[in-house]
């Protein structure tokens, strides 16, 4: 739950709000609520199959708003997953390069030790 008290500014919108609550189940509203908003994205039913906005609609306080942004929660989650997979792939490549460098350094050190031992034996 997110609460904000004061002025809410976004784009050309300037509204004075006392509290903004994100993620509150509308079917359980017992608070003094003046307005319930949802974007243009699909509204999913509650677990019991009921409309999560039935009570605000019944009270006449439900509004659908267009944010002008088509970005959905699913889009954000997909971006996070894709970015994580890309991050892991990049790190695996970096790790492989680092391991190759470490192995090359070990071989070089072993060769130098062998050459030093050979020179000392002569």
PDB file of N, CA and C in Angstrom:
ATOM      1  N   UNK A   1       0.840  -1.167   0.000  1.00  0.00           N
ATOM      2  CA  UNK A   1       0.000   0.000   0.000  1.00  0.00           C
ATOM      3  C   UNK A   1       0.888   1.232   0.000  1.00  0.00           C
ATOM      4  N   UNK A   2       0.513   2.210  -0.777  1.00  0.00           N
ATOM      5  CA  UNK A   2       1.287   3.440  -0.922  1.00  0.00           C
ATOM      6  C   UNK A   2       0.409   4.600  -0.501  1.00  0.00           C
ATOM      7  N   UNK A   3       0.906   5.444   0.345  1.00  0.00           N
ATOM      8  CA  UNK A   3       0.135   6.614   0.777  1.00  0.00           C
ATOM      9  C   UNK A   3       0.918   7.871   0.442  1.00  0.00           C
ATOM     10  N   UNK A   4       0.193   8.871  -0.035  1.00  0.00           N
ATOM     11  CA  UNK A   4       0.809  10.141  -0.393  1.00  0.00           C
ATOM     12  C   UNK A   4      -0.117  11.259   0.050  1.00  0.00           C
ATOM     13  N   UNK A   5       0.409  12.215   0.740  1.00  0.00           N
ATOM     14  CA  UNK A   5      -0.378  13.362   1.160  1.00  0.00           C
ATOM     15  C   UNK A   5       0.233  14.614   0.551  1.00  0.00           C
ATOM     16  N   UNK A   6      -0.585  15.444  -0.058  1.00  0.00           N
ATOM     17  CA  UNK A   6      -0.094  16.695  -0.626  1.00  0.00           C
ATOM     18  C   UNK A   6      -0.534  16.870  -2.056  1.00  0.00           C
ATOM     19  N   UNK A   7       0.308  17.510  -2.845  1.00  0.00           N
ATOM     20  CA  UNK A   7      -0.013  17.781  -4.248  1.00  0.00           C
ATOM     21  C   UNK A   7       0.474  16.632  -5.116  1.00  0.00           C
ATOM     22  N   UNK A   8      -0.343  16.243  -6.075  1.00  0.00           N
ATOM     23  CA  UNK A   8       0.015  15.189  -7.013  1.00  0.00           C
ATOM     24  C   UNK A   8       0.186  15.834  -8.367  1.00  0.00           C
ATOM     25  N   UNK A   9       1.393  15.770  -8.912  1.00  0.00           N
ATOM     26  CA  UNK A   9       1.678  16.396 -10.193  1.00  0.00           C
ATOM     27  C   UNK A   9       2.127  15.350 -11.194  1.00  0.00           C
ATOM     28  N   UNK A  10       1.462  15.307 -12.332  1.00  0.00           N
ATOM     29  CA  UNK A  10       1.909  14.415 -13.404  1.00  0.00           C
ATOM     30  C   UNK A  10       1.469  15.046 -14.711  1.00  0.00           C
ATOM     31  N   UNK A  11       2.433  15.384 -15.540  1.00  0.00           N
ATOM     32  CA  UNK A  11       2.093  16.015 -16.802  1.00  0.00           C
ATOM     33  C   UNK A  11       1.392  17.338 -16.552  1.00  0.00           C
ATOM     34  N   UNK A  12       0.215  17.499 -17.124  1.00  0.00           N
ATOM     35  CA  UNK A  12      -0.538  18.741 -16.963  1.00  0.00           C
ATOM     36  C   UNK A  12      -1.593  18.615 -15.876  1.00  0.00           C
ATOM     37  N   UNK A  13      -1.577  17.499 -15.174  1.00  0.00           N
ATOM     38  CA  UNK A  13      -2.562  17.238 -14.132  1.00  0.00           C
ATOM     39  C   UNK A  13      -2.049  17.797 -12.808  1.00  0.00           C
ATOM     40  N   UNK A  14      -2.845  18.576 -12.130  1.00  0.00           N
ATOM     41  CA  UNK A  14      -2.456  19.142 -10.848  1.00  0.00           C
ATOM     42  C   UNK A  14      -3.646  18.980  -9.910  1.00  0.00           C
ATOM     43  N   UNK A  15      -3.625  17.926  -9.105  1.00  0.00           N
ATOM     44  CA  UNK A  15      -4.737  17.625  -8.216  1.00  0.00           C
ATOM     45  C   UNK A  15      -4.279  17.679  -6.775  1.00  0.00           C
ATOM     46  N   UNK A  16      -5.120  18.177  -5.922  1.00  0.00           N
ATOM     47  CA  UNK A  16      -4.812  18.173  -4.508  1.00  0.00           C
ATOM     48  C   UNK A  16      -5.415  16.912  -3.896  1.00  0.00           C
ATOM     49  N   UNK A  17      -4.563  16.058  -3.338  1.00  0.00           N
ATOM     50  CA  UNK A  17      -5.012  14.787  -2.791  1.00  0.00           C
ATOM     51  C   UNK A  17      -4.673  14.720  -1.313  1.00  0.00           C
ATOM     52  N   UNK A  18      -5.505  14.020  -0.583  1.00  0.00           N
ATOM     53  CA  UNK A  18      -5.154  13.792   0.810  1.00  0.00           C
ATOM     54  C   UNK A  18      -4.468  12.452   0.955  1.00  0.00           C
ATOM     55  N   UNK A  19      -4.954  11.419   0.260  1.00  0.00           N
ATOM     56  CA  UNK A  19      -4.342  10.099   0.332  1.00  0.00           C
ATOM     57  C   UNK A  19      -4.554   9.377  -0.990  1.00  0.00           C
ATOM     58  N   UNK A  20      -3.509   8.744  -1.482  1.00  0.00           N
ATOM     59  CA  UNK A  20      -3.612   7.850  -2.638  1.00  0.00           C
ATOM     60  C   UNK A  20      -3.254   6.469  -2.138  1.00  0.00           C
ATOM     61  N   UNK A  21      -4.128   5.518  -2.353  1.00  0.00           N
ATOM     62  CA  UNK A  21      -3.880   4.149  -1.916  1.00  0.00           C
ATOM     63  C   UNK A  21      -3.839   3.267  -3.156  1.00  0.00           C
ATOM     64  N   UNK A  22      -2.707   2.617  -3.385  1.00  0.00           N
ATOM     65  CA  UNK A  22      -2.539   1.754  -4.542  1.00  0.00           C
ATOM     66  C   UNK A  22      -2.662   0.314  -4.085  1.00  0.00           C
ATOM     67  N   UNK A  23      -3.458  -0.476  -4.800  1.00  0.00           N
ATOM     68  CA  UNK A  23      -3.565  -1.896  -4.517  1.00  0.00           C
ATOM     69  C   UNK A  23      -4.613  -2.265  -3.490  1.00  0.00           C
ATOM     70  N   UNK A  24      -5.460  -1.343  -3.113  1.00  0.00           N
ATOM     71  CA  UNK A  24      -6.508  -1.634  -2.140  1.00  0.00           C
ATOM     72  C   UNK A  24      -7.615  -2.435  -2.811  1.00  0.00           C
ATOM     73  N   UNK A  25      -8.069  -3.498  -2.169  1.00  0.00           N
ATOM     74  CA  UNK A  25      -9.168  -4.299  -2.733  1.00  0.00           C
ATOM     75  C   UNK A  25     -10.458  -3.493  -2.621  1.00  0.00           C
ATOM     76  N   UNK A  26     -11.062  -3.212  -3.765  1.00  0.00           N
ATOM     77  CA  UNK A  26     -12.254  -2.364  -3.784  1.00  0.00           C
ATOM     78  C   UNK A  26     -13.464  -3.060  -3.185  1.00  0.00           C
ATOM     79  N   UNK A  27     -13.470  -4.387  -3.169  1.00  0.00           N
ATOM     80  CA  UNK A  27     -14.615  -5.104  -2.626  1.00  0.00           C
ATOM     81  C   UNK A  27     -14.658  -5.003  -1.106  1.00  0.00           C
ATOM     82  N   UNK A  28     -13.594  -4.502  -0.482  1.00  0.00           N
ATOM     83  CA  UNK A  28     -13.526  -4.402   0.982  1.00  0.00           C
ATOM     84  C   UNK A  28     -13.535  -2.959   1.457  1.00  0.00           C
ATOM     85  N   UNK A  29     -13.913  -2.009   0.607  1.00  0.00           N
ATOM     86  CA  UNK A  29     -13.803  -0.603   0.980  1.00  0.00           C
ATOM     87  C   UNK A  29     -14.787  -0.259   2.091  1.00  0.00           C
ATOM     88  N   UNK A  30     -14.242   0.149   3.231  1.00  0.00           N
ATOM     89  CA  UNK A  30     -15.052   0.680   4.325  1.00  0.00           C
ATOM     90  C   UNK A  30     -14.549   2.066   4.673  1.00  0.00           C
ATOM     91  N   UNK A  31     -13.508   2.519   3.978  1.00  0.00           N
ATOM     92  CA  UNK A  31     -12.934   3.844   4.206  1.00  0.00           C
ATOM     93  C   UNK A  31     -13.772   4.892   3.484  1.00  0.00           C
ATOM     94  N   UNK A  32     -13.553   6.151   3.833  1.00  0.00           N
ATOM     95  CA  UNK A  32     -14.186   7.251   3.107  1.00  0.00           C
ATOM     96  C   UNK A  32     -13.392   7.446   1.818  1.00  0.00           C
ATOM     97  N   UNK A  33     -13.928   6.971   0.708  1.00  0.00           N
ATOM     98  CA  UNK A  33     -13.246   7.044  -0.581  1.00  0.00           C
ATOM     99  C   UNK A  33     -14.110   7.868  -1.515  1.00  0.00           C
ATOM    100  N   UNK A  34     -13.496   8.857  -2.161  1.00  0.00           N
ATOM    101  CA  UNK A  34     -14.239   9.726  -3.068  1.00  0.00           C
ATOM    102  C   UNK A  34     -14.140   9.298  -4.522  1.00  0.00           C
ATOM    103  N   UNK A  35     -13.069   8.601  -4.869  1.00  0.00           N
ATOM    104  CA  UNK A  35     -12.846   8.248  -6.262  1.00  0.00           C
ATOM    105  C   UNK A  35     -11.968   7.011  -6.365  1.00  0.00           C
ATOM    106  N   UNK A  36     -12.351   6.095  -7.260  1.00  0.00           N
ATOM    107  CA  UNK A  36     -11.554   4.904  -7.553  1.00  0.00           C
ATOM    108  C   UNK A  36     -11.293   4.922  -9.050  1.00  0.00           C
ATOM    109  N   UNK A  37     -10.016   4.832  -9.438  1.00  0.00           N
ATOM    110  CA  UNK A  37      -9.635   4.918 -10.854  1.00  0.00           C
ATOM    111  C   UNK A  37      -8.915   3.656 -11.304  1.00  0.00           C
ATOM    112  N   UNK A  38      -9.072   3.342 -12.586  1.00  0.00           N
ATOM    113  CA  UNK A  38      -8.339   2.250 -13.226  1.00  0.00           C
ATOM    114  C   UNK A  38      -8.001   2.721 -14.630  1.00  0.00           C
ATOM    115  N   UNK A  39      -6.859   2.298 -15.126  1.00  0.00           N
ATOM    116  CA  UNK A  39      -6.430   2.676 -16.471  1.00  0.00           C
ATOM    117  C   UNK A  39      -7.206   1.923 -17.541  1.00  0.00           C
ATOM    118  N   UNK A  40      -6.739   2.049 -18.774  1.00  0.00           N
ATOM    119  CA  UNK A  40      -7.406   1.431 -19.919  1.00  0.00           C
ATOM    120  C   UNK A  40      -7.053  -0.048 -20.077  1.00  0.00           C
ATOM    121  N   UNK A  41      -6.199  -0.565 -19.192  1.00  0.00           N
ATOM    122  CA  UNK A  41      -5.818  -1.974 -19.291  1.00  0.00           C
ATOM    123  C   UNK A  41      -6.964  -2.871 -18.827  1.00  0.00           C
ATOM    124  N   UNK A  42      -6.841  -4.145 -19.143  1.00  0.00           N
ATOM    125  CA  UNK A  42      -7.876  -5.120 -18.799  1.00  0.00           C
ATOM    126  C   UNK A  42      -8.045  -5.233 -17.284  1.00  0.00           C
ATOM    127  N   UNK A  43      -9.297  -5.356 -16.855  1.00  0.00           N
ATOM    128  CA  UNK A  43      -9.604  -5.559 -15.433  1.00  0.00           C
ATOM    129  C   UNK A  43      -9.819  -7.053 -15.236  1.00  0.00           C
ATOM    130  N   UNK A  44      -9.029  -7.647 -14.362  1.00  0.00           N
ATOM    131  CA  UNK A  44      -9.152  -9.069 -14.080  1.00  0.00           C
ATOM    132  C   UNK A  44     -10.091  -9.277 -12.906  1.00  0.00           C
ATOM    133  N   UNK A  45     -10.861 -10.336 -12.972  1.00  0.00           N
ATOM    134  CA  UNK A  45     -11.804 -10.660 -11.902  1.00  0.00           C
ATOM    135  C   UNK A  45     -11.067 -11.062 -10.639  1.00  0.00           C
ATOM    136  N   UNK A  46     -11.761 -10.902  -9.492  1.00  0.00           N
ATOM    137  CA  UNK A  46     -11.224 -11.385  -8.229  1.00  0.00           C
ATOM    138  C   UNK A  46     -11.175 -12.908  -8.261  1.00  0.00           C
ATOM    139  N   UNK A  47     -10.548 -13.503  -7.238  1.00  0.00           N
ATOM    140  CA  UNK A  47     -10.415 -14.966  -7.180  1.00  0.00           C
ATOM    141  C   UNK A  47     -11.764 -15.672  -7.236  1.00  0.00           C
ATOM    142  N   UNK A  48     -12.782 -15.026  -6.689  1.00  0.00           N
ATOM    143  CA  UNK A  48     -14.113 -15.652  -6.689  1.00  0.00           C
ATOM    144  C   UNK A  48     -14.886 -15.380  -7.979  1.00  0.00           C
ATOM    145  N   UNK A  49     -14.252 -14.687  -8.950  1.00  0.00           N
ATOM    146  CA  UNK A  49     -14.877 -14.421 -10.238  1.00  0.00           C
ATOM    147  C   UNK A  49     -15.674 -13.133 -10.287  1.00  0.00           C
ATOM    148  N   UNK A  50     -15.729 -12.408  -9.178  1.00  0.00           N
ATOM    149  CA  UNK A  50     -16.513 -11.171  -9.138  1.00  0.00           C
ATOM    150  C   UNK A  50     -15.713  -9.990  -9.684  1.00  0.00           C
ATOM    151  N   UNK A  51     -16.419  -8.925 -10.021  1.00  0.00           N
ATOM    152  CA  UNK A  51     -15.804  -7.698 -10.513  1.00  0.00           C
ATOM    153  C   UNK A  51     -15.147  -6.981  -9.334  1.00  0.00           C
ATOM    154  N   UNK A  52     -13.842  -6.745  -9.379  1.00  0.00           N
ATOM    155  CA  UNK A  52     -13.173  -6.093  -8.251  1.00  0.00           C
ATOM    156  C   UNK A  52     -13.637  -4.654  -8.042  1.00  0.00           C
ATOM    157  N   UNK A  53     -14.255  -4.064  -9.058  1.00  0.00           N
ATOM    158  CA  UNK A  53     -14.717  -2.686  -8.966  1.00  0.00           C
ATOM    159  C   UNK A  53     -16.235  -2.580  -8.824  1.00  0.00           C
ATOM    160  N   UNK A  54     -16.893  -3.665  -8.450  1.00  0.00           N
ATOM    161  CA  UNK A  54     -18.353  -3.655  -8.337  1.00  0.00           C
ATOM    162  C   UNK A  54     -18.850  -2.619  -7.325  1.00  0.00           C
ATOM    163  N   UNK A  55     -18.230  -2.566  -6.163  1.00  0.00           N
ATOM    164  CA  UNK A  55     -18.674  -1.634  -5.110  1.00  0.00           C
ATOM    165  C   UNK A  55     -18.462  -0.177  -5.520  1.00  0.00           C
ATOM    166  N   UNK A  56     -17.279   0.204  -6.018  1.00  0.00           N
ATOM    167  CA  UNK A  56     -17.114   1.604  -6.462  1.00  0.00           C
ATOM    168  C   UNK A  56     -18.064   1.956  -7.613  1.00  0.00           C
ATOM    169  N   UNK A  57     -18.321   1.005  -8.514  1.00  0.00           N
ATOM    170  CA  UNK A  57     -19.253   1.265  -9.614  1.00  0.00           C
ATOM    171  C   UNK A  57     -20.654   1.490  -9.062  1.00  0.00           C
ATOM    172  N   UNK A  58     -21.048   0.666  -8.098  1.00  0.00           N
ATOM    173  CA  UNK A  58     -22.368   0.791  -7.473  1.00  0.00           C
ATOM    174  C   UNK A  58     -22.506   2.158  -6.792  1.00  0.00           C
ATOM    175  N   UNK A  59     -21.422   2.628  -6.176  1.00  0.00           N
ATOM    176  CA  UNK A  59     -21.443   3.912  -5.472  1.00  0.00           C
ATOM    177  C   UNK A  59     -21.231   5.103  -6.397  1.00  0.00           C
ATOM    178  N   UNK A  60     -20.920   4.817  -7.687  1.00  0.00           N
ATOM    179  CA  UNK A  60     -20.742   5.898  -8.658  1.00  0.00           C
ATOM    180  C   UNK A  60     -19.434   6.648  -8.518  1.00  0.00           C
ATOM    181  N   UNK A  61     -18.430   6.008  -7.930  1.00  0.00           N
ATOM    182  CA  UNK A  61     -17.135   6.673  -7.733  1.00  0.00           C
ATOM    183  C   UNK A  61     -16.025   6.050  -8.574  1.00  0.00           C
ATOM    184  N   UNK A  62     -16.380   5.151  -9.492  1.00  0.00           N
ATOM    185  CA  UNK A  62     -15.382   4.484 -10.342  1.00  0.00           C
ATOM    186  C   UNK A  62     -15.200   5.276 -11.624  1.00  0.00           C
ATOM    187  N   UNK A  63     -13.935   5.510 -12.020  1.00  0.00           N
ATOM    188  CA  UNK A  63     -13.616   6.190 -13.270  1.00  0.00           C
ATOM    189  C   UNK A  63     -12.512   5.417 -13.986  1.00  0.00           C
ATOM    190  N   UNK A  64     -12.675   5.288 -15.297  1.00  0.00           N
ATOM    191  CA  UNK A  64     -11.614   4.741 -16.135  1.00  0.00           C
ATOM    192  C   UNK A  64     -10.862   5.934 -16.698  1.00  0.00           C
ATOM    193  N   UNK A  65      -9.553   5.922 -16.536  1.00  0.00           N
ATOM    194  CA  UNK A  65      -8.750   7.042 -17.020  1.00  0.00           C
ATOM    195  C   UNK A  65      -7.752   6.548 -18.056  1.00  0.00           C
ATOM    196  N   UNK A  66      -7.404   7.425 -18.974  1.00  0.00           N
ATOM    197  CA  UNK A  66      -6.398   7.106 -19.982  1.00  0.00           C
ATOM    198  C   UNK A  66      -5.124   7.861 -19.633  1.00  0.00           C
ATOM    199  N   UNK A  67      -4.104   7.114 -19.243  1.00  0.00           N
ATOM    200  CA  UNK A  67      -2.841   7.742 -18.870  1.00  0.00           C
ATOM    201  C   UNK A  67      -2.035   8.154 -20.095  1.00  0.00           C
ATOM    202  N   UNK A  68      -2.454   7.672 -21.256  1.00  0.00           N
ATOM    203  CA  UNK A  68      -1.683   7.949 -22.458  1.00  0.00           C
ATOM    204  C   UNK A  68      -0.478   7.030 -22.593  1.00  0.00           C
ATOM    205  N   UNK A  69      -0.381   6.046 -21.714  1.00  0.00           N
ATOM    206  CA  UNK A  69       0.742   5.117 -21.708  1.00  0.00           C
ATOM    207  C   UNK A  69       0.189   3.701 -21.810  1.00  0.00           C
ATOM    208  N   UNK A  70       0.665   2.935 -22.772  1.00  0.00           N
ATOM    209  CA  UNK A  70       0.181   1.570 -22.957  1.00  0.00           C
ATOM    210  C   UNK A  70       0.956   0.542 -22.149  1.00  0.00           C
ATOM    211  N   UNK A  71       1.881   0.994 -21.329  1.00  0.00           N
ATOM    212  CA  UNK A  71       2.709   0.107 -20.540  1.00  0.00           C
ATOM    213  C   UNK A  71       1.872  -0.562 -19.443  1.00  0.00           C
ATOM    214  N   UNK A  72       1.970  -1.881 -19.356  1.00  0.00           N
ATOM    215  CA  UNK A  72       1.226  -2.628 -18.344  1.00  0.00           C
ATOM    216  C   UNK A  72       2.204  -3.266 -17.361  1.00  0.00           C
ATOM    217  N   UNK A  73       1.665  -3.782 -16.273  1.00  0.00           N
ATOM    218  CA  UNK A  73       2.487  -4.494 -15.296  1.00  0.00           C
ATOM    219  C   UNK A  73       3.162  -5.687 -15.956  1.00  0.00           C
ATOM    220  N   UNK A  74       2.421  -6.396 -16.821  1.00  0.00           N
ATOM    221  CA  UNK A  74       3.008  -7.537 -17.534  1.00  0.00           C
ATOM    222  C   UNK A  74       4.204  -7.103 -18.378  1.00  0.00           C
ATOM    223  N   UNK A  75       4.081  -5.955 -19.051  1.00  0.00           N
ATOM    224  CA  UNK A  75       5.203  -5.437 -19.846  1.00  0.00           C
ATOM    225  C   UNK A  75       6.424  -5.183 -18.974  1.00  0.00           C
ATOM    226  N   UNK A  76       6.198  -4.590 -17.817  1.00  0.00           N
ATOM    227  CA  UNK A  76       7.305  -4.285 -16.898  1.00  0.00           C
ATOM    228  C   UNK A  76       7.964  -5.563 -16.412  1.00  0.00           C
ATOM    229  N   UNK A  77       7.150  -6.555 -16.047  1.00  0.00           N
ATOM    230  CA  UNK A  77       7.699  -7.838 -15.579  1.00  0.00           C
ATOM    231  C   UNK A  77       8.495  -8.506 -16.689  1.00  0.00           C
ATOM    232  N   UNK A  78       7.980  -8.478 -17.924  1.00  0.00           N
ATOM    233  CA  UNK A  78       8.705  -9.072 -19.050  1.00  0.00           C
ATOM    234  C   UNK A  78      10.036  -8.368 -19.274  1.00  0.00           C
ATOM    235  N   UNK A  79      10.054  -7.045 -19.162  1.00  0.00           N
ATOM    236  CA  UNK A  79      11.313  -6.291 -19.312  1.00  0.00           C
ATOM    237  C   UNK A  79      12.310  -6.696 -18.236  1.00  0.00           C
ATOM    238  N   UNK A  80      11.830  -6.823 -17.013  1.00  0.00           N
ATOM    239  CA  UNK A  80      12.716  -7.205 -15.912  1.00  0.00           C
ATOM    240  C   UNK A  80      13.308  -8.580 -16.177  1.00  0.00           C
ATOM    241  N   UNK A  81      12.485  -9.535 -16.599  1.00  0.00           N
ATOM    242  CA  UNK A  81      12.963 -10.893 -16.875  1.00  0.00           C
ATOM    243  C   UNK A  81      13.961 -10.885 -18.026  1.00  0.00           C
ATOM    244  N   UNK A  82      13.635 -10.197 -19.122  1.00  0.00           N
ATOM    245  CA  UNK A  82      14.541 -10.130 -20.272  1.00  0.00           C
ATOM    246  C   UNK A  82      15.879  -9.493 -19.889  1.00  0.00           C
ATOM    247  N   UNK A  83      15.805  -8.390 -19.143  1.00  0.00           N
ATOM    248  CA  UNK A  83      17.040  -7.716 -18.728  1.00  0.00           C
ATOM    249  C   UNK A  83      17.872  -8.604 -17.816  1.00  0.00           C
ATOM    250  N   UNK A  84      17.216  -9.363 -16.943  1.00  0.00           N
ATOM    251  CA  UNK A  84      17.943 -10.264 -16.042  1.00  0.00           C
ATOM    252  C   UNK A  84      18.646 -11.360 -16.846  1.00  0.00           C
ATOM    253  N   UNK A  85      17.951 -11.925 -17.835  1.00  0.00           N
ATOM    254  CA  UNK A  85      18.551 -12.978 -18.666  1.00  0.00           C
ATOM    255  C   UNK A  85      19.743 -12.424 -19.455  1.00  0.00           C
ATOM    256  N   UNK A  86      19.601 -11.211 -19.993  1.00  0.00           N
ATOM    257  CA  UNK A  86      20.711 -10.587 -20.716  1.00  0.00           C
ATOM    258  C   UNK A  86      21.888 -10.325 -19.781  1.00  0.00           C
ATOM    259  N   UNK A  87      21.597  -9.862 -18.575  1.00  0.00           N
ATOM    260  CA  UNK A  87      22.629  -9.618 -17.569  1.00  0.00           C
ATOM    261  C   UNK A  87      23.378 -10.903 -17.247  1.00  0.00           C
ATOM    262  N   UNK A  88      22.643 -11.991 -17.027  1.00  0.00           N
ATOM    263  CA  UNK A  88      23.277 -13.273 -16.708  1.00  0.00           C
ATOM    264  C   UNK A  88      24.132 -13.766 -17.871  1.00  0.00           C
ATOM    265  N   UNK A  89      23.640 -13.613 -19.109  1.00  0.00           N
ATOM    266  CA  UNK A  89      24.420 -14.045 -20.285  1.00  0.00           C
ATOM    267  C   UNK A  89      25.710 -13.241 -20.399  1.00  0.00           C
ATOM    268  N   UNK A  90      25.610 -11.917 -20.204  1.00  0.00           N
ATOM    269  CA  UNK A  90      26.819 -11.074 -20.249  1.00  0.00           C
ATOM    270  C   UNK A  90      27.813 -11.489 -19.183  1.00  0.00           C
ATOM    271  N   UNK A  91      27.326 -11.738 -17.982  1.00  0.00           N
ATOM    272  CA  UNK A  91      28.224 -12.116 -16.894  1.00  0.00           C
ATOM    273  C   UNK A  91      28.855 -13.481 -17.120  1.00  0.00           C
ATOM    274  N   UNK A  92      28.141 -14.408 -17.731  1.00  0.00           N
ATOM    275  CA  UNK A  92      28.723 -15.713 -18.036  1.00  0.00           C
ATOM    276  C   UNK A  92      29.870 -15.559 -19.039  1.00  0.00           C
ATOM    277  N   UNK A  93      29.677 -14.694 -20.042  1.00  0.00           N
ATOM    278  CA  UNK A  93      30.742 -14.450 -21.015  1.00  0.00           C
ATOM    279  C   UNK A  93      31.958 -13.822 -20.335  1.00  0.00           C
ATOM    280  N   UNK A  94      31.701 -12.828 -19.484  1.00  0.00           N
ATOM    281  CA  UNK A  94      32.800 -12.174 -18.758  1.00  0.00           C
ATOM    282  C   UNK A  94      33.532 -13.179 -17.883  1.00  0.00           C
ATOM    283  N   UNK A  95      32.779 -14.028 -17.195  1.00  0.00           N
ATOM    284  CA  UNK A  95      33.388 -15.021 -16.317  1.00  0.00           C
ATOM    285  C   UNK A  95      34.233 -16.005 -17.115  1.00  0.00           C
ATOM    286  N   UNK A  96      33.747 -16.410 -18.289  1.00  0.00           N
ATOM    287  CA  UNK A  96      34.515 -17.332 -19.128  1.00  0.00           C
ATOM    288  C   UNK A  96      35.829 -16.678 -19.573  1.00  0.00           C
ATOM    289  N   UNK A  97      35.771 -15.397 -19.946  1.00  0.00           N
ATOM    290  CA  UNK A  97      36.992 -14.685 -20.349  1.00  0.00           C
ATOM    291  C   UNK A  97      37.972 -14.585 -19.181  1.00  0.00           C
ATOM    292  N   UNK A  98      37.449 -14.253 -18.002  1.00  0.00           N
ATOM    293  CA  UNK A  98      38.305 -14.138 -16.824  1.00  0.00           C
ATOM    294  C   UNK A  98      38.955 -15.474 -16.479  1.00  0.00           C
ATOM    295  N   UNK A  99      38.199 -16.557 -16.593  1.00  0.00           N
ATOM    296  CA  UNK A  99      38.753 -17.889 -16.306  1.00  0.00           C
ATOM    297  C   UNK A  99      39.833 -18.241 -17.314  1.00  0.00           C
ATOM    298  N   UNK A 100      39.621 -17.866 -18.578  1.00  0.00           N
ATOM    299  CA  UNK A 100      40.640 -18.127 -19.599  1.00  0.00           C
ATOM    300  C   UNK A 100      41.915 -17.352 -19.289  1.00  0.00           C
ATOM    301  N   UNK A 101      41.785 -16.115 -18.853  1.00  0.00           N
ATOM    302  CA  UNK A 101      42.953 -15.303 -18.498  1.00  0.00           C
ATOM    303  C   UNK A 101      43.670 -15.921 -17.299  1.00  0.00           C
ATOM    304  N   UNK A 102      42.931 -16.362 -16.302  1.00  0.00           N
ATOM    305  CA  UNK A 102      43.533 -16.983 -15.118  1.00  0.00           C
ATOM    306  C   UNK A 102      44.286 -18.246 -15.505  1.00  0.00           C
ATOM    307  N   UNK A 103      43.695 -19.062 -16.351  1.00  0.00           N
ATOM    308  CA  UNK A 103      44.364 -20.295 -16.810  1.00  0.00           C
ATOM    309  C   UNK A 103      45.625 -19.966 -17.605  1.00  0.00           C
ATOM    310  N   UNK A 104      45.547 -18.955 -18.458  1.00  0.00           N
ATOM    311  CA  UNK A 104      46.723 -18.561 -19.244  1.00  0.00           C
ATOM    312  C   UNK A 104      47.835 -18.067 -18.324  1.00  0.00           C
ATOM    313  N   UNK A 105      47.468 -17.301 -17.300  1.00  0.00           N
ATOM    314  CA  UNK A 105      48.475 -16.812 -16.349  1.00  0.00           C
ATOM    315  C   UNK A 105      49.100 -17.972 -15.575  1.00  0.00           C
ATOM    316  N   UNK A 106      48.308 -18.963 -15.205  1.00  0.00           N
ATOM    317  CA  UNK A 106      48.836 -20.133 -14.495  1.00  0.00           C
ATOM    318  C   UNK A 106      49.823 -20.885 -15.375  1.00  0.00           C
ATOM    319  N   UNK A 107      49.454 -21.072 -16.664  1.00  0.00           N
ATOM    320  CA  UNK A 107      50.341 -21.782 -17.597  1.00  0.00           C
ATOM    321  C   UNK A 107      51.645 -21.023 -17.759  1.00  0.00           C
ATOM    322  N   UNK A 108      51.539 -19.681 -17.899  1.00  0.00           N
ATOM    323  CA  UNK A 108      52.741 -18.873 -18.068  1.00  0.00           C
ATOM    324  C   UNK A 108      53.640 -18.977 -16.832  1.00  0.00           C
ATOM    325  N   UNK A 109      53.024 -18.914 -15.647  1.00  0.00           N
ATOM    326  CA  UNK A 109      53.805 -19.040 -14.411  1.00  0.00           C
ATOM    327  C   UNK A 109      54.479 -20.405 -14.328  1.00  0.00           C
ATOM    328  N   UNK A 110      53.765 -21.461 -14.723  1.00  0.00           N
ATOM    329  CA  UNK A 110      54.343 -22.810 -14.688  1.00  0.00           C
ATOM    330  C   UNK A 110      55.509 -22.916 -15.663  1.00  0.00           C
ATOM    331  N   UNK A 111      55.346 -22.312 -16.879  1.00  0.00           N
ATOM    332  CA  UNK A 111      56.418 -22.340 -17.867  1.00  0.00           C
ATOM    333  C   UNK A 111      57.644 -21.589 -17.344  1.00  0.00           C
ATOM    334  N   UNK A 112      57.402 -20.429 -16.742  1.00  0.00           N
ATOM    335  CA  UNK A 112      58.513 -19.632 -16.208  1.00  0.00           C
ATOM    336  C   UNK A 112      59.227 -20.395 -15.099  1.00  0.00           C
ATOM    337  N   UNK A 113      58.464 -21.099 -14.265  1.00  0.00           N
ATOM    338  CA  UNK A 113      59.069 -21.879 -13.187  1.00  0.00           C
ATOM    339  C   UNK A 113      59.866 -23.048 -13.763  1.00  0.00           C
ATOM    340  N   UNK A 114      59.325 -23.679 -14.799  1.00  0.00           N
ATOM    341  CA  UNK A 114      60.032 -24.797 -15.443  1.00  0.00           C
ATOM    342  C   UNK A 114      61.322 -24.323 -16.079  1.00  0.00           C
ATOM    343  N   UNK A 115      61.253 -23.171 -16.782  1.00  0.00           N
ATOM    344  CA  UNK A 115      62.457 -22.614 -17.406  1.00  0.00           C
ATOM    345  C   UNK A 115      63.485 -22.214 -16.356  1.00  0.00           C
ATOM    346  N   UNK A 116      63.023 -21.625 -15.270  1.00  0.00           N
ATOM    347  CA  UNK A 116      63.941 -21.228 -14.193  1.00  0.00           C
ATOM    348  C   UNK A 116      64.586 -22.456 -13.577  1.00  0.00           C
ATOM    349  N   UNK A 117      63.803 -23.525 -13.404  1.00  0.00           N
ATOM    350  CA  UNK A 117      64.352 -24.749 -12.835  1.00  0.00           C
ATOM    351  C   UNK A 117      65.352 -25.374 -13.792  1.00  0.00           C
ATOM    352  N   UNK A 118      65.058 -25.318 -15.087  1.00  0.00           N
ATOM    353  CA  UNK A 118      65.968 -25.875 -16.097  1.00  0.00           C
ATOM    354  C   UNK A 118      67.279 -25.096 -16.138  1.00  0.00           C
ATOM    355  N   UNK A 119      67.225 -23.789 -16.028  1.00  0.00           N
ATOM    356  CA  UNK A 119      68.431 -22.968 -16.041  1.00  0.00           C
ATOM    357  C   UNK A 119      69.272 -23.201 -14.783  1.00  0.00           C
ATOM    358  N   UNK A 120      68.595 -23.404 -13.668  1.00  0.00           N
ATOM    359  CA  UNK A 120      69.305 -23.647 -12.409  1.00  0.00           C
ATOM    360  C   UNK A 120      69.978 -25.012 -12.456  1.00  0.00           C
ATOM    361  N   UNK A 121      69.407 -25.960 -13.135  1.00  0.00           N
ATOM    362  CA  UNK A 121      69.964 -27.317 -13.218  1.00  0.00           C
ATOM    363  C   UNK A 121      71.207 -27.326 -14.082  1.00  0.00           C
ATOM    364  N   UNK A 122      71.367 -26.403 -15.011  1.00  0.00           N
ATOM    365  CA  UNK A 122      72.574 -26.391 -15.865  1.00  0.00           C
ATOM    366  C   UNK A 122      73.685 -25.778 -15.192  1.00  0.00           C
TER     367      UNK A 122
END
